[in-house]
Amino acid sequence: MKFTDLEIIEPILRALEDEGYESPTPIQEQTIPVSLEGRDVLGLAQTGTGKTAAFAVPTLQTLAKNIQNGRNRKIRALVLTPTRELGTQVYESFENYGHYLPLRSTVIFGEQAKENKSMH
């Protein structure tokens, strides 16, 4: 199977090719078509199997279908990660796979607020 068999739009296919992707991994092959249908997906796979592309590619394609121009742009996708490192990796993947799309993304890190509990 090839990425072209998954009905991915040309700008994303070009970006995947730039990244050196040749064919989808099993989790990508199973989840991308289902996600593109608008259905929910829950996947489990080992590190290095392409999970990020499995959800980023259909997310970008869905966003690309409904691009809004002008000043009233809104947040249309939110990805939460448990660590800064994973957040950075996901952000970079969205940037790479969406390179040829007129979409913007950002990564935000937060910390838990710490209360000052000094005794008087």
N, C-alpha and C. Protein backbone atom coordinates (compact mmCIF):
# COMPACT_ATOMS: atom_id res chain seq x y z
N MET A 1 0.84 -1.18 0.00
CA MET A 1 0.00 0.00 0.00
C MET A 1 0.88 1.24 0.00
N LYS A 2 0.37 2.31 -0.62
CA LYS A 2 1.07 3.59 -0.66
C LYS A 2 0.18 4.65 -0.03
N PHE A 3 0.79 5.79 0.33
CA PHE A 3 0.01 6.88 0.90
C PHE A 3 -1.05 7.37 -0.08
N THR A 4 -0.77 7.29 -1.39
CA THR A 4 -1.76 7.72 -2.38
C THR A 4 -3.03 6.87 -2.31
N ASP A 5 -2.92 5.63 -1.85
CA ASP A 5 -4.07 4.74 -1.71
C ASP A 5 -4.99 5.18 -0.57
N LEU A 6 -4.51 6.05 0.30
CA LEU A 6 -5.29 6.48 1.48
C LEU A 6 -6.09 7.75 1.22
N GLU A 7 -6.09 8.22 -0.04
CA GLU A 7 -6.84 9.42 -0.44
C GLU A 7 -6.39 10.67 0.31
N ILE A 8 -5.09 10.79 0.48
CA ILE A 8 -4.49 11.97 1.12
C ILE A 8 -4.29 13.01 0.02
N ILE A 9 -4.55 14.27 0.37
CA ILE A 9 -4.43 15.35 -0.62
C ILE A 9 -2.97 15.59 -1.00
N GLU A 10 -2.80 16.13 -2.20
CA GLU A 10 -1.46 16.31 -2.79
C GLU A 10 -0.48 17.11 -1.93
N PRO A 11 -0.88 18.23 -1.32
CA PRO A 11 0.10 18.97 -0.53
C PRO A 11 0.68 18.15 0.64
N ILE A 12 -0.15 17.33 1.24
CA ILE A 12 0.34 16.49 2.35
C ILE A 12 1.18 15.35 1.81
N LEU A 13 0.78 14.77 0.68
CA LEU A 13 1.59 13.72 0.06
C LEU A 13 2.99 14.23 -0.27
N ARG A 14 3.06 15.46 -0.79
CA ARG A 14 4.35 16.05 -1.13
C ARG A 14 5.21 16.23 0.12
N ALA A 15 4.58 16.69 1.21
CA ALA A 15 5.31 16.87 2.46
C ALA A 15 5.78 15.54 3.03
N LEU A 16 4.96 14.51 2.94
CA LEU A 16 5.37 13.18 3.41
C LEU A 16 6.56 12.68 2.60
N GLU A 17 6.52 12.92 1.30
CA GLU A 17 7.64 12.53 0.44
C GLU A 17 8.91 13.29 0.85
N ASP A 18 8.77 14.58 1.13
CA ASP A 18 9.92 15.39 1.60
C ASP A 18 10.52 14.80 2.88
N GLU A 19 9.65 14.23 3.73
CA GLU A 19 10.10 13.65 5.00
C GLU A 19 10.69 12.25 4.81
N GLY A 20 10.63 11.72 3.59
CA GLY A 20 11.19 10.41 3.31
C GLY A 20 10.24 9.25 3.57
N TYR A 21 8.95 9.55 3.75
CA TYR A 21 7.96 8.49 3.97
C TYR A 21 7.66 7.84 2.62
N GLU A 22 7.72 6.53 2.57
CA GLU A 22 7.45 5.82 1.33
C GLU A 22 6.12 5.10 1.35
N SER A 23 5.81 4.43 2.45
CA SER A 23 4.54 3.72 2.56
C SER A 23 4.06 3.80 4.01
N PRO A 24 2.75 3.74 4.22
CA PRO A 24 2.22 3.88 5.57
C PRO A 24 2.55 2.67 6.44
N THR A 25 2.74 2.94 7.72
CA THR A 25 2.92 1.86 8.69
C THR A 25 1.55 1.25 8.98
N PRO A 26 1.51 0.11 9.62
CA PRO A 26 0.20 -0.51 9.91
C PRO A 26 -0.78 0.42 10.65
N ILE A 27 -0.31 1.15 11.65
CA ILE A 27 -1.26 2.03 12.37
C ILE A 27 -1.74 3.16 11.48
N GLN A 28 -0.89 3.67 10.61
CA GLN A 28 -1.31 4.72 9.68
C GLN A 28 -2.30 4.17 8.66
N GLU A 29 -2.02 2.99 8.14
CA GLU A 29 -2.89 2.36 7.15
C GLU A 29 -4.28 2.10 7.72
N GLN A 30 -4.33 1.75 9.00
CA GLN A 30 -5.62 1.41 9.62
C GLN A 30 -6.38 2.64 10.11
N THR A 31 -5.69 3.68 10.53
CA THR A 31 -6.39 4.81 11.16
C THR A 31 -6.67 5.99 10.23
N ILE A 32 -5.80 6.26 9.27
CA ILE A 32 -6.00 7.44 8.42
C ILE A 32 -7.33 7.39 7.68
N PRO A 33 -7.69 6.29 7.01
CA PRO A 33 -8.99 6.28 6.31
C PRO A 33 -10.18 6.47 7.25
N VAL A 34 -10.13 5.87 8.41
CA VAL A 34 -11.22 5.98 9.38
C VAL A 34 -11.34 7.42 9.87
N SER A 35 -10.20 8.04 10.16
CA SER A 35 -10.19 9.43 10.61
C SER A 35 -10.71 10.37 9.54
N LEU A 36 -10.34 10.11 8.28
CA LEU A 36 -10.80 10.96 7.18
C LEU A 36 -12.31 10.86 6.97
N GLU A 37 -12.90 9.77 7.43
CA GLU A 37 -14.36 9.62 7.38
C GLU A 37 -15.03 10.39 8.50
N GLY A 38 -14.23 10.95 9.41
CA GLY A 38 -14.78 11.70 10.52
C GLY A 38 -15.10 10.86 11.74
N ARG A 39 -14.62 9.64 11.74
CA ARG A 39 -14.90 8.75 12.86
C ARG A 39 -13.79 8.85 13.91
N ASP A 40 -14.14 8.56 15.15
CA ASP A 40 -13.18 8.56 16.24
C ASP A 40 -12.28 7.34 16.15
N VAL A 41 -11.03 7.51 16.59
CA VAL A 41 -10.06 6.42 16.53
C VAL A 41 -9.31 6.37 17.86
N LEU A 42 -9.08 5.18 18.33
CA LEU A 42 -8.23 4.95 19.49
C LEU A 42 -7.21 3.92 19.06
N GLY A 43 -5.94 4.30 19.09
CA GLY A 43 -4.89 3.41 18.61
C GLY A 43 -3.82 3.18 19.66
N LEU A 44 -3.18 2.06 19.57
CA LEU A 44 -2.10 1.71 20.47
C LEU A 44 -1.00 1.05 19.64
N ALA A 45 0.20 1.60 19.75
CA ALA A 45 1.33 1.06 19.00
C ALA A 45 2.62 1.46 19.71
N GLN A 46 3.66 0.72 19.43
CA GLN A 46 4.95 1.00 20.05
C GLN A 46 5.55 2.30 19.53
N THR A 47 6.52 2.81 20.26
CA THR A 47 7.26 3.99 19.85
C THR A 47 7.92 3.75 18.49
N GLY A 48 7.86 4.76 17.63
CA GLY A 48 8.52 4.66 16.34
C GLY A 48 7.69 4.04 15.25
N THR A 49 6.39 3.85 15.50
CA THR A 49 5.54 3.20 14.50
C THR A 49 4.72 4.19 13.66
N GLY A 50 4.86 5.48 13.94
CA GLY A 50 4.17 6.48 13.13
C GLY A 50 2.83 6.92 13.67
N LYS A 51 2.64 6.83 14.98
CA LYS A 51 1.37 7.25 15.57
C LYS A 51 1.08 8.72 15.32
N THR A 52 2.09 9.57 15.41
CA THR A 52 1.86 11.01 15.23
C THR A 52 1.31 11.28 13.83
N ALA A 53 1.90 10.72 12.81
CA ALA A 53 1.39 10.91 11.44
C ALA A 53 0.01 10.29 11.30
N ALA A 54 -0.28 9.24 12.04
CA ALA A 54 -1.58 8.57 11.95
C ALA A 54 -2.72 9.50 12.34
N PHE A 55 -2.47 10.45 13.25
CA PHE A 55 -3.53 11.40 13.59
C PHE A 55 -3.28 12.78 12.99
N ALA A 56 -2.03 13.15 12.76
CA ALA A 56 -1.74 14.49 12.24
C ALA A 56 -2.17 14.63 10.78
N VAL A 57 -1.91 13.63 9.97
CA VAL A 57 -2.25 13.70 8.55
C VAL A 57 -3.75 13.90 8.34
N PRO A 58 -4.62 13.07 8.94
CA PRO A 58 -6.05 13.32 8.73
C PRO A 58 -6.54 14.62 9.37
N THR A 59 -5.93 15.03 10.47
CA THR A 59 -6.30 16.30 11.10
C THR A 59 -5.98 17.45 10.15
N LEU A 60 -4.78 17.46 9.59
CA LEU A 60 -4.40 18.51 8.65
C LEU A 60 -5.29 18.51 7.42
N GLN A 61 -5.62 17.34 6.91
CA GLN A 61 -6.46 17.27 5.71
C GLN A 61 -7.85 17.81 6.01
N THR A 62 -8.40 17.48 7.15
CA THR A 62 -9.71 17.99 7.54
C THR A 62 -9.68 19.50 7.69
N LEU A 63 -8.63 20.02 8.32
CA LEU A 63 -8.50 21.47 8.48
C LEU A 63 -8.34 22.16 7.13
N ALA A 64 -7.59 21.54 6.23
CA ALA A 64 -7.36 22.13 4.92
C ALA A 64 -8.65 22.26 4.11
N LYS A 65 -9.59 21.36 4.33
CA LYS A 65 -10.87 21.42 3.62
C LYS A 65 -11.68 22.65 4.02
N ASN A 66 -11.45 23.13 5.22
CA ASN A 66 -12.28 24.21 5.76
C ASN A 66 -11.45 25.43 6.13
N ILE A 67 -10.50 25.79 5.28
CA ILE A 67 -9.63 26.93 5.58
C ILE A 67 -10.44 28.22 5.62
N GLN A 68 -10.23 28.98 6.68
CA GLN A 68 -10.89 30.27 6.86
C GLN A 68 -9.89 31.37 6.60
N ASN A 69 -10.28 32.34 5.83
CA ASN A 69 -9.43 33.50 5.59
C ASN A 69 -9.99 34.68 6.36
N GLY A 70 -9.15 35.63 6.63
CA GLY A 70 -9.62 36.83 7.31
C GLY A 70 -9.23 36.87 8.77
N ARG A 71 -9.84 37.79 9.46
CA ARG A 71 -9.46 38.05 10.85
C ARG A 71 -10.18 37.15 11.85
N ASN A 72 -11.24 36.51 11.47
CA ASN A 72 -12.02 35.74 12.42
C ASN A 72 -11.60 34.27 12.50
N ARG A 73 -10.35 34.02 12.29
CA ARG A 73 -9.87 32.65 12.39
C ARG A 73 -9.94 32.20 13.84
N LYS A 74 -10.31 30.95 14.03
CA LYS A 74 -10.45 30.40 15.37
C LYS A 74 -9.57 29.17 15.50
N ILE A 75 -9.33 28.79 16.74
CA ILE A 75 -8.63 27.54 16.98
C ILE A 75 -9.54 26.41 16.51
N ARG A 76 -9.00 25.54 15.67
CA ARG A 76 -9.82 24.47 15.12
C ARG A 76 -9.33 23.08 15.51
N ALA A 77 -8.18 23.03 16.16
CA ALA A 77 -7.68 21.74 16.63
C ALA A 77 -6.80 22.00 17.84
N LEU A 78 -6.87 21.12 18.80
CA LEU A 78 -6.06 21.21 20.01
C LEU A 78 -5.52 19.81 20.30
N VAL A 79 -4.21 19.72 20.39
CA VAL A 79 -3.57 18.45 20.71
C VAL A 79 -2.89 18.61 22.07
N LEU A 80 -3.25 17.80 23.01
CA LEU A 80 -2.65 17.83 24.34
C LEU A 80 -1.67 16.68 24.48
N THR A 81 -0.51 16.97 25.04
CA THR A 81 0.50 15.93 25.26
C THR A 81 0.94 15.97 26.72
N PRO A 82 1.43 14.85 27.24
CA PRO A 82 1.82 14.82 28.64
C PRO A 82 3.19 15.42 28.96
N THR A 83 4.01 15.65 27.94
CA THR A 83 5.35 16.18 28.19
C THR A 83 5.70 17.26 27.17
N ARG A 84 6.66 18.11 27.55
CA ARG A 84 7.15 19.14 26.62
C ARG A 84 7.78 18.50 25.39
N GLU A 85 8.54 17.43 25.62
CA GLU A 85 9.24 16.77 24.52
C GLU A 85 8.26 16.25 23.48
N LEU A 86 7.21 15.60 23.95
CA LEU A 86 6.21 15.08 23.01
C LEU A 86 5.45 16.22 22.35
N GLY A 87 5.17 17.28 23.08
CA GLY A 87 4.52 18.45 22.51
C GLY A 87 5.34 19.04 21.39
N THR A 88 6.63 19.14 21.60
CA THR A 88 7.53 19.66 20.57
C THR A 88 7.55 18.73 19.36
N GLN A 89 7.60 17.44 19.59
CA GLN A 89 7.61 16.47 18.49
C GLN A 89 6.32 16.57 17.68
N VAL A 90 5.18 16.64 18.34
CA VAL A 90 3.90 16.73 17.64
C VAL A 90 3.83 18.03 16.84
N TYR A 91 4.24 19.13 17.45
CA TYR A 91 4.27 20.44 16.75
C TYR A 91 5.12 20.35 15.49
N GLU A 92 6.31 19.81 15.61
CA GLU A 92 7.20 19.70 14.45
C GLU A 92 6.59 18.82 13.37
N SER A 93 5.91 17.76 13.76
CA SER A 93 5.26 16.89 12.78
C SER A 93 4.16 17.64 12.04
N PHE A 94 3.32 18.39 12.78
CA PHE A 94 2.27 19.17 12.12
C PHE A 94 2.88 20.19 11.17
N GLU A 95 3.96 20.82 11.58
CA GLU A 95 4.62 21.79 10.70
C GLU A 95 5.17 21.10 9.44
N ASN A 96 5.80 19.95 9.61
CA ASN A 96 6.39 19.24 8.48
C ASN A 96 5.32 18.70 7.53
N TYR A 97 4.33 18.01 8.06
CA TYR A 97 3.29 17.42 7.20
C TYR A 97 2.39 18.48 6.57
N GLY A 98 2.25 19.62 7.24
CA GLY A 98 1.41 20.68 6.72
C GLY A 98 2.18 21.78 6.03
N HIS A 99 3.42 21.51 5.70
CA HIS A 99 4.32 22.51 5.11
C HIS A 99 3.72 23.22 3.89
N TYR A 100 3.00 22.49 3.06
CA TYR A 100 2.45 23.07 1.83
C TYR A 100 1.00 23.52 1.97
N LEU A 101 0.51 23.58 3.19
CA LEU A 101 -0.85 24.04 3.45
C LEU A 101 -0.82 25.43 4.08
N PRO A 102 -1.81 26.24 3.82
CA PRO A 102 -1.85 27.58 4.42
C PRO A 102 -2.45 27.55 5.83
N LEU A 103 -1.87 26.73 6.69
CA LEU A 103 -2.33 26.60 8.07
C LEU A 103 -1.21 27.02 9.00
N ARG A 104 -1.60 27.48 10.18
CA ARG A 104 -0.61 27.86 11.18
C ARG A 104 -0.78 26.99 12.41
N SER A 105 0.32 26.78 13.12
CA SER A 105 0.26 26.02 14.37
C SER A 105 1.25 26.61 15.35
N THR A 106 1.08 26.25 16.58
CA THR A 106 1.99 26.70 17.62
C THR A 106 2.04 25.65 18.71
N VAL A 107 3.03 25.76 19.54
CA VAL A 107 3.14 24.88 20.70
C VAL A 107 3.20 25.78 21.94
N ILE A 108 2.49 25.38 22.97
CA ILE A 108 2.45 26.15 24.20
C ILE A 108 2.78 25.21 25.36
N PHE A 109 3.66 25.67 26.23
CA PHE A 109 4.01 24.89 27.41
C PHE A 109 3.48 25.61 28.64
N GLY A 110 3.02 24.86 29.58
CA GLY A 110 2.54 25.45 30.82
C GLY A 110 3.13 24.73 32.01
N GLU A 111 3.04 25.37 33.13
CA GLU A 111 3.49 24.75 34.37
C GLU A 111 2.38 24.89 35.38
N GLN A 112 2.38 23.97 36.29
CA GLN A 112 1.41 24.03 37.36
C GLN A 112 1.76 25.22 38.26
N ALA A 113 0.75 25.99 38.61
CA ALA A 113 0.97 27.14 39.50
C ALA A 113 1.37 26.65 40.87
N LYS A 114 2.32 27.32 41.45
CA LYS A 114 2.77 26.94 42.79
C LYS A 114 2.33 28.00 43.76
N GLU A 115 1.73 27.55 44.83
CA GLU A 115 1.26 28.47 45.86
C GLU A 115 2.35 28.74 46.86
N ASN A 116 2.43 29.95 47.29
CA ASN A 116 3.38 30.31 48.34
C ASN A 116 2.66 30.11 49.67
N LYS A 117 3.06 29.09 50.39
CA LYS A 117 2.41 28.76 51.66
C LYS A 117 3.34 29.06 52.83
N SER A 118 3.75 30.27 52.93
CA SER A 118 4.63 30.63 54.05
C SER A 118 3.79 30.82 55.31
N MET A 119 4.31 30.39 56.40
CA MET A 119 3.60 30.53 57.67
C MET A 119 4.03 31.81 58.34
N HIS A 120 3.10 32.50 58.93
CA HIS A 120 3.40 33.75 59.62
C HIS A 120 3.16 33.58 61.10
